[in-house]
Amino acid sequence: MTVMGHVRNGVVVFDQPLQVPDGTVARVDLLTPDQSTPAPPQPRQGGQWKGRVVIAPDFDLLPDDIQDAFGMNDS
């Protein structure tokens, strides 16, 4: 779980109320000012895999034994 907070008078104060039992082990990682605000996610762009993926010509053909198992052969 990641919980954000700020230091006030030498004490970490969490931004949201936190209910944890006494004795819970916690770790505090101090962030530099540029880390404290996450970068907004970049919108996805299509076409990144264009020319890299090849679909075999027989991709949608099932082997005879699989067709038999599903009752798809005319025999």
C-alpha atoms as a PDB file:
ATOM      1  CA  MET A   1       0.000   0.000   0.000  1.00  0.00           C
ATOM      2  CA  THR A   2       1.281   3.477  -0.807  1.00  0.00           C
ATOM      3  CA  VAL A   3       0.068   6.379   1.290  1.00  0.00           C
ATOM      4  CA  MET A   4       0.995   9.973   0.565  1.00  0.00           C
ATOM      5  CA  GLY A   5       1.644  12.588   3.229  1.00  0.00           C
ATOM      6  CA  HIS A   6       3.685  15.656   4.130  1.00  0.00           C
ATOM      7  CA  VAL A   7       6.146  16.503   6.882  1.00  0.00           C
ATOM      8  CA  ARG A   8       4.909  19.114   9.373  1.00  0.00           C
ATOM      9  CA  ASN A   9       7.148  20.095  12.287  1.00  0.00           C
ATOM     10  CA  GLY A  10       9.231  16.950  11.783  1.00  0.00           C
ATOM     11  CA  VAL A  11       6.243  14.571  11.782  1.00  0.00           C
ATOM     12  CA  VAL A  12       4.743  12.782   8.766  1.00  0.00           C
ATOM     13  CA  VAL A  13       1.082  13.708   8.419  1.00  0.00           C
ATOM     14  CA  PHE A  14      -0.871  11.565   5.973  1.00  0.00           C
ATOM     15  CA  ASP A  15      -3.080  13.194   3.362  1.00  0.00           C
ATOM     16  CA  GLN A  16      -5.907  10.696   3.993  1.00  0.00           C
ATOM     17  CA  PRO A  17      -6.970   9.174   7.334  1.00  0.00           C
ATOM     18  CA  LEU A  18      -5.232   5.848   7.861  1.00  0.00           C
ATOM     19  CA  GLN A  19      -6.553   3.035  10.065  1.00  0.00           C
ATOM     20  CA  VAL A  20      -3.799   0.547  10.928  1.00  0.00           C
ATOM     21  CA  PRO A  21      -3.196  -1.413  14.125  1.00  0.00           C
ATOM     22  CA  ASP A  22      -0.549  -0.263  16.605  1.00  0.00           C
ATOM     23  CA  GLY A  23       2.794  -1.921  15.960  1.00  0.00           C
ATOM     24  CA  THR A  24       2.337  -2.058  12.188  1.00  0.00           C
ATOM     25  CA  VAL A  25       5.738  -1.760  10.541  1.00  0.00           C
ATOM     26  CA  ALA A  26       5.921   1.175   8.113  1.00  0.00           C
ATOM     27  CA  ARG A  27       8.573   2.517   5.778  1.00  0.00           C
ATOM     28  CA  VAL A  28       8.854   6.155   4.771  1.00  0.00           C
ATOM     29  CA  ASP A  29      10.571   7.012   1.478  1.00  0.00           C
ATOM     30  CA  LEU A  30      11.226  10.716   1.081  1.00  0.00           C
ATOM     31  CA  LEU A  31      10.490  12.038  -2.391  1.00  0.00           C
ATOM     32  CA  THR A  32      12.290  14.857  -4.116  1.00  0.00           C
ATOM     33  CA  PRO A  33      10.033  17.738  -5.240  1.00  0.00           C
ATOM     34  CA  ASP A  34       9.954  16.454  -8.826  1.00  0.00           C
ATOM     35  CA  GLN A  35       8.826  12.980  -7.632  1.00  0.00           C
ATOM     36  CA  SER A  36       5.978  14.228  -5.447  1.00  0.00           C
ATOM     37  CA  THR A  37       3.707  14.999  -8.395  1.00  0.00           C
ATOM     38  CA  PRO A  38       3.356  12.026 -10.720  1.00  0.00           C
ATOM     39  CA  ALA A  39       3.521  12.799 -14.412  1.00  0.00           C
ATOM     40  CA  PRO A  40       0.175  12.555 -16.192  1.00  0.00           C
ATOM     41  CA  PRO A  41      -0.153   9.379 -18.254  1.00  0.00           C
ATOM     42  CA  GLN A  42       0.559   9.779 -21.945  1.00  0.00           C
ATOM     43  CA  PRO A  43      -2.349   8.988 -24.277  1.00  0.00           C
ATOM     44  CA  ARG A  44      -1.969   5.743 -26.185  1.00  0.00           C
ATOM     45  CA  GLN A  45      -0.968   5.959 -29.803  1.00  0.00           C
ATOM     46  CA  GLY A  46      -1.941   3.304 -32.288  1.00  0.00           C
ATOM     47  CA  GLY A  47       0.318   1.763 -34.878  1.00  0.00           C
ATOM     48  CA  GLN A  48       3.312   1.132 -32.643  1.00  0.00           C
ATOM     49  CA  TRP A  49       3.484  -2.527 -33.711  1.00  0.00           C
ATOM     50  CA  LYS A  50       2.805  -1.866 -37.419  1.00  0.00           C
ATOM     51  CA  GLY A  51       5.173  -3.963 -39.525  1.00  0.00           C
ATOM     52  CA  ARG A  52       6.401  -5.966 -36.519  1.00  0.00           C
ATOM     53  CA  VAL A  53       3.583  -8.507 -36.185  1.00  0.00           C
ATOM     54  CA  VAL A  54       2.821 -11.041 -38.884  1.00  0.00           C
ATOM     55  CA  ILE A  55      -0.270 -13.236 -38.773  1.00  0.00           C
ATOM     56  CA  ALA A  56       0.182 -16.595 -40.491  1.00  0.00           C
ATOM     57  CA  PRO A  57      -2.124 -17.165 -43.480  1.00  0.00           C
ATOM     58  CA  ASP A  58      -3.589 -20.270 -41.804  1.00  0.00           C
ATOM     59  CA  PHE A  59      -4.190 -18.510 -38.464  1.00  0.00           C
ATOM     60  CA  ASP A  60      -7.934 -19.136 -38.423  1.00  0.00           C
ATOM     61  CA  LEU A  61      -7.805 -22.738 -39.691  1.00  0.00           C
ATOM     62  CA  LEU A  62      -8.161 -25.547 -37.168  1.00  0.00           C
ATOM     63  CA  PRO A  63      -6.236 -28.827 -37.522  1.00  0.00           C
ATOM     64  CA  ASP A  64      -8.383 -31.819 -38.540  1.00  0.00           C
ATOM     65  CA  ASP A  65      -8.163 -33.523 -35.119  1.00  0.00           C
ATOM     66  CA  ILE A  66      -9.465 -30.393 -33.377  1.00  0.00           C
ATOM     67  CA  GLN A  67     -12.271 -30.062 -35.902  1.00  0.00           C
ATOM     68  CA  ASP A  68     -13.169 -33.714 -35.242  1.00  0.00           C
ATOM     69  CA  ALA A  69     -13.209 -33.104 -31.489  1.00  0.00           C
ATOM     70  CA  PHE A  70     -15.717 -30.296 -31.974  1.00  0.00           C
ATOM     71  CA  GLY A  71     -17.781 -32.166 -34.575  1.00  0.00           C
ATOM     72  CA  MET A  72     -16.871 -29.702 -37.316  1.00  0.00           C
ATOM     73  CA  ASN A  73     -15.725 -32.159 -40.021  1.00  0.00           C
ATOM     74  CA  ASP A  74     -18.207 -33.318 -42.641  1.00  0.00           C
ATOM     75  CA  SER A  75     -17.174 -36.961 -42.311  1.00  0.00           C
END
